[in-house]
Amino acid sequence: MLSRVAETVRRYRMFEHGQHVGVAVSGGADSVCLLHVLLKLAAPWDLRLSVLHLNHGLRGEESRQDEQFVRDLAARLGLPAIVRNVDVAASHDNLEQAGRHARLAFFREMLAATGIVRIATGHTRNDQAETVLFRFLRGAGGAGLAAIRPVTADGLARPLLDMSRADVEQYLRERGIPWREDSSNASPQFARNRIRHSLLPQLANEWNPSIVETLHRVADWALAEEEYWEAEIDRLYAQSLIERDGAVLLAVRDLRDLPLAVARRLVRRALERAKGDLRAVDFDHIAAIVKLAHSPLGHGRVQAPGVEVERSLDWLRFADFEANRRRPDGYRLTAVVPGVIEVPGTRIALSLELVERAETLESPDSVYNSDKSWLDWRTLSGSLEVRNWRPGDQYRPKGSTGEEKIKTLFQKARIPRWERRHWPVVTDGSAIVWARQFGAAVPFAANSASTTLLRIRETGAP
């Protein structure tokens, strides 16, 4: 047992020399075995161990006895113990999900606030097999079938993952080490228990006596595949996706050009970045987003759990659903000249400066013909405002033969819908004198006779 666990630790580089490791101990056989094994193996890595216990409070006196058992165990072994009590039953999630979320929150707290840099959990080969089967039945792809990772990016490690539950119990019995039995592990109320006590035994009896080992190999195979794909998707993500204003943007063309297997994985990564996790996201959501990218229509939406995906012209936008709904609507700001105005809801600012004609360094052709940012100050009242574009807005931009709706200009320039929402225009009374990207209005544009010029430039917000 010790040599096999040590090999697993080395294989996956679970610990580094001198690390402070929290050992999650429920009182059950797996976690008690984990604690004893790590205590014996701590010396080569000079590990400092602490015992972590979360009391879910679901089984009344039995839960309190589990907590006391863990406290006493830590004390006998001379280890510090950190215990938390939570009311999982008060959660709106189902109990399995609520318990999992409570444990992860506890672990995150320990990693953030105690100096613990790794948390070891007692997951075994049997847990791996149950997880693979559970996820397969729910329609998971390769990433889901990788199931329980030996080491995770957020600091969890599973040293017993190559051990079976029988190995664990044999180790404890041979040494006379007691453990606690959780009565809820027998309840058919929980899906994992039904897989453990009913489905897996049936598959072993009727189909494959080595089903646990087979499913464990599936996870190992899928994990190797995922490690390759994660590196590849990291490269594609950096190359193809843009994170801006709390959302993820993906060019439709980039997605269309990819093989379907790669496109699905890139969409999956975009969803994860926008939402923070992939809980409740399934194959149908990903397929719908890929279909949206291939649609001949230039617009559409897909709702995934916690994420809103919008197609507008050449782009897909992935945004947290609630954050997207909280984005500010309109704005109307007085434009002080000279001055700089930050545009709400964007990362840009507008710089407004007055320049006398003799001070301009540009050639007349540049100022009056090619550069659309210059206005004739004498044609303006001086009471300028900056506001967001509104449906129905129209004006005659320099270089145009007549008035055009700004919506039409958006379409010609292929500006996505979400960028239009806070698109700035400068007004003088009811007249639009300038619009972002489209420039000055003809009646107000600087010309060869202009002596005092107003220059409006877009800059990054300070």
Protein backbone atom coordinates (compact mmCIF):
# COMPACT_ATOMS: atom_id res chain seq x y z
CA MET A 1 0.00 0.00 0.00
CA LEU A 2 2.66 2.53 1.02
CA SER A 3 4.85 1.93 -2.04
CA ARG A 4 1.88 2.08 -4.42
CA VAL A 5 0.61 5.33 -2.92
CA ALA A 6 4.13 6.81 -2.98
CA GLU A 7 4.38 5.91 -6.68
CA THR A 8 1.03 7.65 -7.36
CA VAL A 9 2.24 10.74 -5.52
CA ARG A 10 5.47 10.80 -7.55
CA ARG A 11 3.77 10.03 -10.85
CA TYR A 12 1.44 12.99 -10.61
CA ARG A 13 3.79 15.26 -8.64
CA MET A 14 1.13 15.73 -5.99
CA PHE A 15 3.38 17.28 -3.34
CA GLU A 16 6.52 19.37 -3.22
CA HIS A 17 9.11 19.45 -0.46
CA GLY A 18 8.01 21.28 2.68
CA GLN A 19 4.37 21.80 1.72
CA HIS A 20 1.55 22.19 4.23
CA VAL A 21 -1.09 19.60 3.27
CA GLY A 22 -4.65 19.49 4.54
CA VAL A 23 -6.05 15.95 4.76
CA ALA A 24 -9.83 15.80 4.35
CA VAL A 25 -11.04 13.26 6.91
CA SER A 26 -14.72 12.35 7.20
CA GLY A 27 -14.10 9.41 9.54
CA GLY A 28 -14.83 6.81 6.85
CA ALA A 29 -12.40 4.08 5.85
CA ASP A 30 -10.96 5.86 2.81
CA SER A 31 -10.10 9.10 4.56
CA VAL A 32 -8.82 7.42 7.73
CA CYS A 33 -6.55 5.22 5.61
CA LEU A 34 -5.37 8.28 3.68
CA LEU A 35 -4.40 10.08 6.88
CA HIS A 36 -2.41 7.12 8.26
CA VAL A 37 -0.65 6.52 4.94
CA LEU A 38 0.28 10.16 4.44
CA LEU A 39 1.60 10.34 8.00
CA LYS A 40 3.98 7.49 7.16
CA LEU A 41 4.95 8.98 3.80
CA ALA A 42 5.34 12.58 4.98
CA ALA A 43 9.07 12.34 5.71
CA PRO A 44 10.43 12.10 2.11
CA TRP A 45 8.61 15.29 1.16
CA ASP A 46 8.91 16.90 4.62
CA LEU A 47 5.15 17.44 4.61
CA ARG A 48 3.29 19.26 7.35
CA LEU A 49 -0.18 17.75 7.83
CA SER A 50 -3.41 19.20 9.17
CA VAL A 51 -6.72 17.34 9.51
CA LEU A 52 -9.78 18.95 7.90
CA HIS A 53 -13.32 17.87 8.77
CA LEU A 54 -16.64 19.24 7.52
CA ASN A 55 -19.73 18.35 9.55
CA HIS A 56 -22.72 18.56 7.18
CA GLY A 57 -25.14 18.13 10.07
CA LEU A 58 -27.36 15.76 8.08
CA ARG A 59 -27.36 12.79 10.45
CA GLY A 60 -27.81 14.44 13.86
CA GLU A 61 -26.03 12.56 16.63
CA GLU A 62 -24.23 10.33 14.13
CA SER A 63 -22.67 13.41 12.50
CA ARG A 64 -21.60 14.72 15.91
CA GLN A 65 -19.99 11.37 16.71
CA ASP A 66 -18.14 11.44 13.38
CA GLU A 67 -16.79 14.88 14.23
CA GLN A 68 -15.63 13.75 17.67
CA PHE A 69 -14.04 10.64 16.17
CA VAL A 70 -11.99 12.81 13.79
CA ARG A 71 -11.00 15.23 16.57
CA ASP A 72 -9.83 12.33 18.74
CA LEU A 73 -7.97 10.72 15.82
CA ALA A 74 -6.09 13.94 15.06
CA ALA A 75 -5.21 14.37 18.72
CA ARG A 76 -3.84 10.78 18.99
CA LEU A 77 -1.68 11.37 15.93
CA GLY A 78 -0.48 14.74 17.21
CA LEU A 79 -1.98 16.68 14.28
CA PRO A 80 -3.91 19.95 14.30
CA ALA A 81 -7.58 19.66 13.30
CA ILE A 82 -9.78 22.28 11.63
CA VAL A 83 -13.51 21.54 11.85
CA ARG A 84 -16.39 23.36 10.16
CA ASN A 85 -20.11 22.91 10.71
CA VAL A 86 -22.53 23.72 7.87
CA ASP A 87 -26.27 23.32 7.40
CA VAL A 88 -26.38 21.53 4.06
CA ALA A 89 -30.07 20.76 4.46
CA ALA A 90 -30.85 24.50 4.20
CA SER A 91 -29.50 24.60 0.62
CA HIS A 92 -31.85 24.75 -2.37
CA ASP A 93 -29.65 22.20 -4.21
CA ASN A 94 -30.22 18.47 -3.92
CA LEU A 95 -28.31 17.09 -0.95
CA GLU A 96 -25.56 15.46 -3.01
CA GLN A 97 -24.84 18.67 -4.87
CA ALA A 98 -25.18 20.81 -1.76
CA GLY A 99 -22.72 18.60 0.13
CA ARG A 100 -20.22 18.76 -2.71
CA HIS A 101 -20.49 22.55 -2.96
CA ALA A 102 -20.06 22.89 0.81
CA ARG A 103 -16.90 20.76 0.75
CA LEU A 104 -15.39 22.69 -2.15
CA ALA A 105 -16.16 26.00 -0.41
CA PHE A 106 -14.48 24.69 2.77
CA PHE A 107 -11.44 23.56 0.81
CA ARG A 108 -11.16 26.92 -1.00
CA GLU A 109 -11.30 28.70 2.35
CA MET A 110 -8.53 26.52 3.74
CA LEU A 111 -6.32 27.06 0.69
CA ALA A 112 -6.86 30.80 0.80
CA ALA A 113 -6.52 31.51 4.49
CA THR A 114 -4.41 28.92 6.33
CA GLY A 115 -1.14 28.41 4.47
CA ILE A 116 -2.33 24.99 3.27
CA VAL A 117 -1.26 24.59 -0.36
CA ARG A 118 -2.65 21.12 -1.11
CA ILE A 119 -5.71 19.27 0.12
CA ALA A 120 -5.62 15.47 -0.07
CA THR A 121 -8.90 13.59 -0.38
CA GLY A 122 -9.50 9.85 -0.01
CA HIS A 123 -10.97 9.08 -3.44
CA THR A 124 -10.22 5.53 -4.57
CA ARG A 125 -10.41 3.50 -7.78
CA ASN A 126 -14.01 2.60 -6.89
CA ASP A 127 -14.96 6.25 -6.59
CA GLN A 128 -13.38 6.80 -9.99
CA ALA A 129 -15.38 3.96 -11.55
CA GLU A 130 -18.64 5.24 -10.05
CA THR A 131 -17.94 8.76 -11.30
CA VAL A 132 -17.11 7.60 -14.83
CA LEU A 133 -20.31 5.56 -15.01
CA PHE A 134 -22.41 8.35 -13.52
CA ARG A 135 -21.06 10.88 -16.01
CA PHE A 136 -21.41 8.50 -18.95
CA LEU A 137 -25.06 7.98 -18.09
CA ARG A 138 -25.52 11.76 -18.11
CA GLY A 139 -23.95 12.07 -21.56
CA ALA A 140 -20.47 13.35 -20.69
CA GLY A 141 -17.78 13.64 -23.35
CA GLY A 142 -14.06 12.99 -23.03
CA ALA A 143 -13.50 15.71 -20.44
CA GLY A 144 -16.25 14.32 -18.22
CA LEU A 145 -15.01 10.76 -18.53
CA ALA A 146 -11.60 11.86 -17.23
CA ALA A 147 -13.68 12.09 -14.05
CA ILE A 148 -11.71 12.48 -10.80
CA ARG A 149 -8.36 14.12 -11.58
CA PRO A 150 -5.32 12.92 -9.59
CA VAL A 151 -4.33 16.58 -9.11
CA THR A 152 -6.42 19.65 -9.89
CA ALA A 153 -5.42 23.19 -10.73
CA ASP A 154 -7.15 24.47 -7.58
CA GLY A 155 -5.02 22.39 -5.20
CA LEU A 156 -6.74 19.02 -4.67
CA ALA A 157 -4.76 15.76 -4.69
CA ARG A 158 -6.00 12.14 -4.62
CA PRO A 159 -3.15 9.87 -3.42
CA LEU A 160 -5.40 6.75 -3.12
CA LEU A 161 -6.78 6.96 -6.65
CA ASP A 162 -4.94 3.78 -7.76
CA MET A 163 -6.13 1.85 -4.67
CA SER A 164 -9.39 -0.06 -4.45
CA ARG A 165 -11.82 0.22 -1.57
CA ALA A 166 -10.94 -3.40 -0.69
CA ASP A 167 -7.24 -2.44 -0.50
CA VAL A 168 -8.12 0.35 1.91
CA GLU A 169 -10.21 -1.78 4.24
CA GLN A 170 -7.63 -4.57 4.23
CA TYR A 171 -4.91 -2.10 5.22
CA LEU A 172 -6.98 -0.82 8.14
CA ARG A 173 -8.06 -4.26 9.37
CA GLU A 174 -4.54 -5.65 9.32
CA ARG A 175 -3.44 -2.83 11.60
CA GLY A 176 -6.52 -2.72 13.81
CA ILE A 177 -7.33 0.85 12.81
CA PRO A 178 -11.00 1.73 13.38
CA TRP A 179 -13.17 3.89 11.14
CA ARG A 180 -16.74 5.14 11.02
CA GLU A 181 -19.51 3.89 8.73
CA ASP A 182 -21.73 6.58 7.26
CA SER A 183 -25.32 5.28 7.31
CA SER A 184 -26.28 7.58 4.43
CA ASN A 185 -23.95 5.59 2.15
CA ALA A 186 -26.60 2.86 2.05
CA SER A 187 -29.51 5.16 1.17
CA PRO A 188 -30.95 4.69 -2.34
CA GLN A 189 -31.95 8.37 -2.17
CA PHE A 190 -28.54 9.28 -3.63
CA ALA A 191 -27.65 8.48 -7.23
CA ARG A 192 -24.09 7.50 -6.38
CA ASN A 193 -25.34 4.92 -3.87
CA ARG A 194 -27.64 3.38 -6.47
CA ILE A 195 -24.67 3.06 -8.83
CA ARG A 196 -22.45 1.64 -6.06
CA HIS A 197 -24.86 -0.88 -4.59
CA SER A 198 -27.02 -1.80 -7.57
CA LEU A 199 -25.77 -0.92 -11.04
CA LEU A 200 -22.06 -1.69 -10.69
CA PRO A 201 -22.67 -5.10 -9.02
CA GLN A 202 -25.15 -5.96 -11.77
CA LEU A 203 -22.64 -5.02 -14.47
CA ALA A 204 -19.94 -7.05 -12.69
CA ASN A 205 -22.20 -10.11 -12.38
CA GLU A 206 -23.75 -10.04 -15.85
CA TRP A 207 -21.24 -8.30 -18.11
CA ASN A 208 -17.73 -7.70 -16.84
CA PRO A 209 -16.32 -8.96 -13.52
CA SER A 210 -13.54 -6.36 -13.85
CA ILE A 211 -15.91 -3.44 -14.48
CA VAL A 212 -14.29 -1.24 -11.80
CA GLU A 213 -10.85 -1.74 -13.33
CA THR A 214 -12.26 -1.18 -16.83
CA LEU A 215 -13.89 2.11 -15.88
CA HIS A 216 -10.74 3.17 -14.06
CA ARG A 217 -8.78 2.59 -17.29
CA VAL A 218 -11.36 4.61 -19.23
CA ALA A 219 -10.72 7.53 -16.88
CA ASP A 220 -6.96 7.14 -17.21
CA TRP A 221 -7.22 7.05 -21.01
CA ALA A 222 -9.56 10.05 -21.08
CA LEU A 223 -7.27 12.00 -18.75
CA ALA A 224 -4.28 11.54 -21.08
CA GLU A 225 -6.45 12.68 -24.00
CA GLU A 226 -7.63 15.71 -22.02
CA GLU A 227 -4.11 16.74 -21.07
CA TYR A 228 -3.25 16.90 -24.77
CA TRP A 229 -6.46 18.73 -25.66
CA GLU A 230 -6.14 21.22 -22.83
CA ALA A 231 -2.73 22.32 -24.10
CA GLU A 232 -4.10 22.58 -27.65
CA ILE A 233 -7.19 24.52 -26.56
CA ASP A 234 -5.02 26.83 -24.44
CA ARG A 235 -3.14 27.69 -27.63
CA LEU A 236 -6.30 28.18 -29.68
CA TYR A 237 -7.96 30.18 -26.91
CA ALA A 238 -5.07 32.64 -26.77
CA GLN A 239 -5.11 32.88 -30.54
CA SER A 240 -8.85 33.10 -31.25
CA LEU A 241 -10.75 34.40 -28.23
CA ILE A 242 -10.92 37.84 -26.68
CA GLU A 243 -11.92 38.55 -23.08
CA ARG A 244 -13.47 41.99 -22.81
CA ASP A 245 -15.78 43.69 -20.30
CA GLY A 246 -16.46 40.43 -18.46
CA ALA A 247 -17.42 38.55 -21.63
CA VAL A 248 -15.66 36.22 -24.07
CA LEU A 249 -15.73 37.01 -27.79
CA LEU A 250 -15.12 34.46 -30.54
CA ALA A 251 -15.00 35.20 -34.25
CA VAL A 252 -17.56 33.09 -36.12
CA ARG A 253 -15.09 32.51 -38.94
CA ASP A 254 -12.51 31.06 -36.56
CA LEU A 255 -15.03 28.58 -35.18
CA ARG A 256 -16.34 27.58 -38.61
CA ASP A 257 -12.82 26.83 -39.85
CA LEU A 258 -12.12 24.30 -37.10
CA PRO A 259 -12.83 20.56 -37.19
CA LEU A 260 -16.00 19.81 -35.23
CA ALA A 261 -14.15 18.10 -32.36
CA VAL A 262 -11.96 21.16 -31.86
CA ALA A 263 -14.84 23.61 -32.27
CA ARG A 264 -16.82 21.86 -29.53
CA ARG A 265 -13.89 22.02 -27.14
CA LEU A 266 -13.24 25.68 -27.87
CA VAL A 267 -16.91 26.50 -27.21
CA ARG A 268 -16.70 24.51 -23.99
CA ARG A 269 -13.67 26.55 -22.89
CA ALA A 270 -15.43 29.83 -23.74
CA LEU A 271 -18.46 28.78 -21.67
CA GLU A 272 -16.21 27.85 -18.75
CA ARG A 273 -14.38 31.20 -18.89
CA ALA A 274 -17.63 33.17 -19.07
CA LYS A 275 -19.44 31.22 -16.34
CA GLY A 276 -16.57 30.15 -14.09
CA ASP A 277 -17.48 26.45 -14.31
CA LEU A 278 -19.33 23.99 -16.53
CA ARG A 279 -21.98 22.77 -14.10
CA ALA A 280 -25.19 21.74 -15.90
CA VAL A 281 -23.68 22.51 -19.33
CA ASP A 282 -24.30 19.52 -21.60
CA PHE A 283 -23.78 18.34 -25.17
CA ASP A 284 -26.99 19.96 -26.44
CA HIS A 285 -25.88 23.43 -25.29
CA ILE A 286 -22.52 23.10 -27.03
CA ALA A 287 -24.11 21.68 -30.19
CA ALA A 288 -26.59 24.58 -30.30
CA ILE A 289 -23.77 27.14 -30.08
CA VAL A 290 -21.78 25.46 -32.87
CA LYS A 291 -24.97 25.41 -34.98
CA LEU A 292 -25.49 29.12 -34.27
CA ALA A 293 -22.02 29.87 -35.62
CA HIS A 294 -22.79 27.99 -38.84
CA SER A 295 -26.21 29.56 -39.34
CA PRO A 296 -26.61 31.73 -42.47
CA LEU A 297 -28.46 34.22 -40.28
CA GLY A 298 -26.21 36.83 -38.75
CA HIS A 299 -27.90 36.87 -35.37
CA GLY A 300 -29.36 34.63 -32.68
CA ARG A 301 -29.07 33.55 -29.05
CA VAL A 302 -28.47 30.38 -27.08
CA GLN A 303 -29.18 30.11 -23.36
CA ALA A 304 -26.84 27.77 -21.49
CA PRO A 305 -26.97 27.38 -17.68
CA GLY A 306 -25.75 30.71 -16.30
CA VAL A 307 -24.47 31.92 -19.69
CA GLU A 308 -26.04 33.88 -22.52
CA VAL A 309 -24.44 33.31 -25.92
CA GLU A 310 -25.31 35.89 -28.57
CA ARG A 311 -24.44 35.88 -32.25
CA SER A 312 -24.21 39.23 -34.00
CA LEU A 313 -22.81 39.33 -37.53
CA ASP A 314 -19.23 38.00 -37.37
CA TRP A 315 -18.96 37.37 -33.63
CA LEU A 316 -20.21 35.19 -30.79
CA ARG A 317 -20.34 36.70 -27.31
CA PHE A 318 -20.36 34.51 -24.17
CA ALA A 319 -21.45 36.41 -21.04
CA ASP A 320 -22.49 35.54 -17.50
CA PHE A 321 -26.29 35.73 -17.59
CA GLU A 322 -26.79 37.85 -14.48
CA ALA A 323 -23.84 40.17 -15.16
CA ASN A 324 -25.15 40.71 -18.68
CA ARG A 325 -28.53 41.76 -17.31
CA ARG A 326 -26.88 44.21 -14.89
CA ARG A 327 -25.05 46.17 -17.60
CA PRO A 328 -25.97 49.90 -17.48
CA ASP A 329 -28.50 51.06 -20.05
CA GLY A 330 -28.23 54.62 -21.33
CA TYR A 331 -26.19 57.68 -20.42
CA ARG A 332 -26.18 61.41 -21.14
CA LEU A 333 -23.18 63.49 -20.09
CA THR A 334 -22.23 67.14 -20.42
CA ALA A 335 -19.16 67.51 -22.62
CA VAL A 336 -16.74 70.02 -21.12
CA VAL A 337 -14.32 71.45 -23.71
CA PRO A 338 -11.45 70.90 -23.34
CA GLY A 339 -11.84 67.70 -21.35
CA VAL A 340 -11.88 63.91 -21.26
CA ILE A 341 -15.08 61.91 -20.86
CA GLU A 342 -15.13 58.26 -19.85
CA VAL A 343 -17.82 56.43 -21.79
CA PRO A 344 -19.99 54.33 -19.41
CA GLY A 345 -20.12 50.61 -20.06
CA THR A 346 -16.93 50.66 -22.18
CA ARG A 347 -13.17 50.86 -21.81
CA ILE A 348 -12.87 54.01 -23.87
CA ALA A 349 -12.78 57.73 -23.22
CA LEU A 350 -13.27 60.70 -25.52
CA SER A 351 -10.74 63.51 -25.55
CA LEU A 352 -12.12 66.89 -26.65
CA GLU A 353 -9.53 69.59 -27.35
CA LEU A 354 -9.57 73.02 -29.00
CA VAL A 355 -6.82 73.78 -31.50
CA GLU A 356 -6.16 77.03 -33.36
CA ARG A 357 -5.54 76.49 -37.03
CA ALA A 358 -1.98 77.83 -36.86
CA GLU A 359 -1.17 75.24 -34.17
CA THR A 360 -2.11 72.18 -36.23
CA LEU A 361 0.84 70.11 -37.29
CA GLU A 362 -1.08 68.04 -39.83
CA SER A 363 -1.27 69.09 -43.44
CA PRO A 364 -4.52 70.70 -44.61
CA ASP A 365 -5.37 67.56 -46.55
CA SER A 366 -5.05 65.47 -43.39
CA VAL A 367 -7.08 67.82 -41.23
CA TYR A 368 -9.86 68.70 -43.60
CA ASN A 369 -10.16 65.73 -45.90
CA SER A 370 -8.98 62.40 -44.45
CA ASP A 371 -9.31 62.90 -40.68
CA LYS A 372 -12.95 62.78 -39.57
CA SER A 373 -12.23 63.81 -35.98
CA TRP A 374 -12.06 67.59 -36.60
CA LEU A 375 -15.05 69.94 -36.24
CA ASP A 376 -15.39 73.67 -36.85
CA TRP A 377 -15.79 75.20 -33.40
CA ARG A 378 -17.60 78.26 -34.78
CA THR A 379 -20.50 76.10 -36.02
CA LEU A 380 -21.16 74.72 -32.52
CA SER A 381 -23.11 76.33 -29.70
CA GLY A 382 -20.58 75.12 -27.11
CA SER A 383 -23.25 73.28 -25.10
CA LEU A 384 -22.26 69.79 -26.16
CA GLU A 385 -23.35 66.44 -24.74
CA VAL A 386 -22.09 62.88 -25.05
CA ARG A 387 -24.78 60.20 -25.03
CA ASN A 388 -25.29 56.63 -26.18
CA TRP A 389 -26.66 55.89 -29.63
CA ARG A 390 -30.42 55.42 -29.74
CA PRO A 391 -32.59 53.62 -32.30
CA GLY A 392 -33.67 56.10 -34.94
CA ASP A 393 -30.55 58.29 -34.68
CA GLN A 394 -29.39 59.55 -38.05
CA TYR A 395 -26.99 62.14 -39.42
CA ARG A 396 -24.84 62.89 -42.47
CA PRO A 397 -21.26 61.79 -41.75
CA LYS A 398 -18.43 63.42 -43.65
CA GLY A 399 -17.98 61.69 -46.99
CA SER A 400 -21.63 60.66 -47.26
CA THR A 401 -24.04 61.98 -49.89
CA GLY A 402 -26.96 62.23 -47.48
CA GLU A 403 -28.26 61.43 -44.02
CA GLU A 404 -27.95 57.83 -42.89
CA LYS A 405 -29.30 55.98 -39.92
CA ILE A 406 -26.53 55.06 -37.53
CA LYS A 407 -28.04 51.57 -37.42
CA THR A 408 -27.29 51.31 -41.16
CA LEU A 409 -23.72 52.46 -40.54
CA PHE A 410 -23.39 49.76 -37.87
CA GLN A 411 -24.51 47.12 -40.33
CA LYS A 412 -22.14 48.34 -43.04
CA ALA A 413 -19.24 48.38 -40.58
CA ARG A 414 -20.37 45.01 -39.10
CA ILE A 415 -20.50 46.33 -35.55
CA PRO A 416 -21.93 43.63 -33.20
CA ARG A 417 -25.13 44.45 -31.32
CA TRP A 418 -23.52 44.44 -27.86
CA GLU A 419 -21.02 47.13 -28.89
CA ARG A 420 -23.80 49.39 -30.17
CA ARG A 421 -25.52 49.59 -26.80
CA HIS A 422 -23.06 52.16 -25.37
CA TRP A 423 -21.82 53.60 -28.67
CA PRO A 424 -21.06 57.32 -28.07
CA VAL A 425 -22.33 60.21 -30.14
CA VAL A 426 -21.72 63.91 -29.51
CA THR A 427 -24.71 66.21 -29.83
CA ASP A 428 -25.28 69.95 -30.01
CA GLY A 429 -28.89 70.42 -29.03
CA SER A 430 -30.86 67.91 -31.11
CA ALA A 431 -28.17 67.59 -33.79
CA ILE A 432 -25.61 64.79 -33.88
CA VAL A 433 -22.26 66.44 -34.67
CA TRP A 434 -20.00 63.41 -34.28
CA ALA A 435 -20.27 59.63 -33.83
CA ARG A 436 -17.64 57.12 -32.83
CA GLN A 437 -15.81 55.62 -35.83
CA PHE A 438 -18.07 57.44 -38.33
CA GLY A 439 -16.75 60.91 -37.50
CA ALA A 440 -17.97 64.48 -37.87
CA ALA A 441 -21.29 65.53 -39.39
CA VAL A 442 -20.99 67.43 -42.67
CA PRO A 443 -22.55 70.72 -41.40
CA PHE A 444 -20.08 70.83 -38.51
CA ALA A 445 -16.94 69.35 -40.06
CA ALA A 446 -13.78 71.44 -40.22
CA ASN A 447 -12.86 72.89 -43.60
CA SER A 448 -10.18 75.10 -45.13
CA ALA A 449 -11.85 78.23 -43.73
CA SER A 450 -12.01 76.97 -40.14
CA THR A 451 -9.85 78.89 -37.69
CA THR A 452 -10.69 77.24 -34.37
CA LEU A 453 -10.99 73.46 -34.45
CA LEU A 454 -12.50 70.94 -32.06
CA ARG A 455 -10.78 67.59 -32.20
CA ILE A 456 -12.58 64.54 -30.78
CA ARG A 457 -10.36 61.52 -30.27
CA GLU A 458 -11.02 58.09 -28.80
CA THR A 459 -8.55 57.01 -26.13
CA GLY A 460 -8.34 54.29 -23.52
CA ALA A 461 -10.14 55.14 -20.28
CA PRO A 462 -7.74 56.29 -17.53
